[in-house]
Amino acid sequence: MNKILREHLLELLEGKSAHIDLETVLKDFPIEAKNAKFENIPHTAWELLEHIRIAQWDILEFSRDKNHISPEFPKGYWNKKEASVEDWEKSVRQILEDLQAMRDLISDSETDLFAKISHGSGQTILREALLVADHNAYHLGQIVLIWRMFESQQEEQKNAKS
């Protein structure tokens, strides 16, 4: 059962079963849209990307380091400055590296998925892996929405010039 559960968790963290995967979106996202703002959308793609990075890092470090100190909530989980191309690329690299680290933790047969994390308040590695997958999928959907809005805006501008 543990082997099957690990396989399902790894598939969920990869994100290819029910929706587009994180790596595809982050690598193919139109970089020129990273700081674009849209009416009634509270965050830019960059802000969402950084939120994914910070939250995922925090969950990973909480899962493996009893001395980890989480950022102040909610302020410490959001980066409101505009991003450069280098900022975007660095954040994407860190997200993918930390996601792989979480997958490695899940893959390790020595990791007890059901044991309470000693320094937590009842959390398990299973719960933390599910939290990463859920949180990433939620905000990834928002990034894809911004991508589609950006494409639509570009098409409208192109048609207005014709």
Protein backbone atom coordinates (compact mmCIF):
# COMPACT_ATOMS: atom_id res chain seq x y z
CA MET A 1 0.00 0.00 0.00
CA ASN A 2 2.79 2.45 0.89
CA LYS A 3 4.38 1.96 -2.55
CA ILE A 4 1.10 2.66 -4.33
CA LEU A 5 0.42 5.70 -2.15
CA ARG A 6 3.90 7.07 -2.89
CA GLU A 7 3.34 6.56 -6.62
CA HIS A 8 0.01 8.42 -6.46
CA LEU A 9 1.55 11.27 -4.47
CA LEU A 10 4.42 11.60 -6.93
CA GLU A 11 1.95 11.69 -9.82
CA LEU A 12 -0.10 14.32 -8.02
CA LEU A 13 2.98 16.45 -7.34
CA GLU A 14 3.97 16.14 -10.99
CA GLY A 15 0.54 17.51 -11.85
CA LYS A 16 -0.01 15.93 -15.23
CA SER A 17 -3.07 13.78 -14.48
CA ALA A 18 -5.93 16.21 -14.12
CA HIS A 19 -4.46 19.49 -15.35
CA ILE A 20 -1.48 21.13 -16.95
CA ASP A 21 1.72 20.58 -15.06
CA LEU A 22 3.69 23.25 -13.23
CA GLU A 23 6.88 22.87 -15.25
CA THR A 24 5.11 23.31 -18.60
CA VAL A 25 3.30 26.45 -17.50
CA LEU A 26 6.34 28.05 -15.90
CA LYS A 27 8.65 27.32 -18.81
CA ASP A 28 6.16 28.33 -21.54
CA PHE A 29 4.58 31.34 -19.84
CA PRO A 30 5.07 34.50 -21.95
CA ILE A 31 7.77 36.28 -19.95
CA GLU A 32 6.58 39.69 -21.16
CA ALA A 33 3.35 39.08 -19.22
CA LYS A 34 5.07 38.51 -15.86
CA ASN A 35 4.16 41.93 -14.43
CA ALA A 36 0.93 42.49 -16.39
CA LYS A 37 -2.02 43.72 -14.37
CA PHE A 38 -5.63 43.05 -15.28
CA GLU A 39 -8.82 44.57 -13.96
CA ASN A 40 -10.33 42.63 -11.05
CA ILE A 41 -7.31 40.30 -10.85
CA PRO A 42 -5.54 41.01 -7.54
CA HIS A 43 -2.12 39.58 -8.43
CA THR A 44 0.33 39.54 -11.30
CA ALA A 45 1.77 36.28 -12.58
CA TRP A 46 5.03 37.25 -10.88
CA GLU A 47 3.34 37.71 -7.52
CA LEU A 48 1.65 34.32 -7.87
CA LEU A 49 4.90 32.67 -8.96
CA GLU A 50 6.73 34.04 -5.95
CA HIS A 51 3.87 33.04 -3.67
CA ILE A 52 4.13 29.47 -4.98
CA ARG A 53 7.90 29.54 -4.46
CA ILE A 54 7.77 30.90 -0.93
CA ALA A 55 4.90 28.69 0.26
CA GLN A 56 6.31 25.52 -1.29
CA TRP A 57 9.77 26.25 0.18
CA ASP A 58 8.20 26.84 3.59
CA ILE A 59 6.24 23.59 3.47
CA LEU A 60 9.30 21.64 2.32
CA GLU A 61 11.56 23.10 4.99
CA PHE A 62 8.94 22.60 7.70
CA SER A 63 8.71 18.97 6.59
CA ARG A 64 12.42 18.27 6.94
CA ASP A 65 13.93 20.81 9.36
CA LYS A 66 12.82 21.16 12.97
CA ASN A 67 14.66 24.50 13.18
CA HIS A 68 12.88 26.05 10.21
CA ILE A 69 11.11 29.34 10.88
CA SER A 70 8.24 30.21 8.57
CA PRO A 71 7.81 33.70 7.14
CA GLU A 72 5.34 36.06 8.76
CA PHE A 73 1.83 35.25 7.54
CA PRO A 74 0.49 36.52 5.21
CA LYS A 75 2.95 39.32 4.39
CA GLY A 76 6.00 37.06 4.19
CA TYR A 77 4.40 34.89 1.53
CA TRP A 78 3.99 37.60 -1.12
CA ASN A 79 6.54 39.54 -3.16
CA LYS A 80 4.93 42.72 -4.48
CA LYS A 81 7.88 44.15 -6.42
CA GLU A 82 8.05 43.89 -10.20
CA ALA A 83 10.20 41.11 -11.64
CA SER A 84 13.01 41.09 -14.14
CA VAL A 85 13.50 38.18 -16.51
CA GLU A 86 16.30 36.99 -14.22
CA ASP A 87 13.98 37.16 -11.19
CA TRP A 88 11.39 35.05 -13.02
CA GLU A 89 13.93 32.46 -14.13
CA LYS A 90 15.50 32.21 -10.66
CA SER A 91 12.08 31.71 -9.06
CA VAL A 92 11.12 29.04 -11.61
CA ARG A 93 14.39 27.17 -10.95
CA GLN A 94 13.83 27.27 -7.20
CA ILE A 95 10.23 26.09 -7.50
CA LEU A 96 11.25 23.13 -9.65
CA GLU A 97 14.19 22.26 -7.37
CA ASP A 98 12.04 22.40 -4.24
CA LEU A 99 9.28 20.40 -5.91
CA GLN A 100 11.85 17.73 -6.77
CA ALA A 101 13.10 17.79 -3.17
CA MET A 102 9.52 17.17 -1.97
CA ARG A 103 9.20 14.34 -4.49
CA ASP A 104 12.51 12.90 -3.25
CA LEU A 105 11.23 13.02 0.32
CA ILE A 106 8.06 11.16 -0.72
CA SER A 107 10.08 8.64 -2.79
CA ASP A 108 12.34 7.77 0.15
CA SER A 109 11.06 4.51 1.63
CA GLU A 110 12.52 5.65 4.98
CA THR A 111 10.02 8.54 5.06
CA ASP A 112 7.00 7.58 7.14
CA LEU A 113 4.19 9.35 5.35
CA PHE A 114 1.79 8.90 8.28
CA ALA A 115 4.00 9.81 11.24
CA LYS A 116 3.33 13.15 12.85
CA ILE A 117 6.13 15.62 12.21
CA SER A 118 7.87 15.91 15.58
CA HIS A 119 8.03 19.69 15.62
CA GLY A 120 4.56 20.22 14.17
CA SER A 121 1.08 20.30 15.60
CA GLY A 122 -0.23 17.09 14.06
CA GLN A 123 0.96 17.46 10.45
CA THR A 124 2.35 14.49 8.52
CA ILE A 125 4.53 14.32 5.41
CA LEU A 126 1.46 13.00 3.58
CA ARG A 127 -0.50 16.09 4.55
CA GLU A 128 2.35 18.41 3.57
CA ALA A 129 2.75 16.75 0.15
CA LEU A 130 -1.00 17.09 -0.47
CA LEU A 131 -0.81 20.72 0.63
CA VAL A 132 1.99 21.44 -1.87
CA ALA A 133 0.06 19.79 -4.70
CA ASP A 134 -3.20 21.56 -3.85
CA HIS A 135 -1.64 24.98 -3.31
CA ASN A 136 0.46 24.79 -6.48
CA ALA A 137 -2.52 23.68 -8.59
CA TYR A 138 -4.71 26.49 -7.28
CA HIS A 139 -2.24 29.26 -8.04
CA LEU A 140 -1.08 27.64 -11.27
CA GLY A 141 -4.67 27.94 -12.48
CA GLN A 142 -4.53 31.65 -11.72
CA ILE A 143 -1.28 32.00 -13.68
CA VAL A 144 -2.84 30.20 -16.66
CA LEU A 145 -5.83 32.57 -16.47
CA ILE A 146 -3.47 35.57 -16.60
CA TRP A 147 -1.69 33.95 -19.54
CA ARG A 148 -5.00 33.59 -21.42
CA MET A 149 -6.02 37.16 -20.58
CA PHE A 150 -2.66 38.42 -21.82
CA GLU A 151 -3.01 36.50 -25.08
CA SER A 152 -6.53 37.84 -25.52
CA GLN A 153 -5.33 41.40 -24.87
CA GLN A 154 -2.52 40.95 -27.41
CA GLU A 155 -4.98 39.65 -30.00
CA GLU A 156 -7.34 42.58 -29.39
CA GLN A 157 -4.49 45.04 -29.80
CA LYS A 158 -3.37 43.32 -32.99
CA ASN A 159 -6.91 43.41 -34.41
CA ALA A 160 -7.32 47.08 -33.46
CA LYS A 161 -4.24 47.92 -35.52
CA SER A 162 -5.54 46.06 -38.60
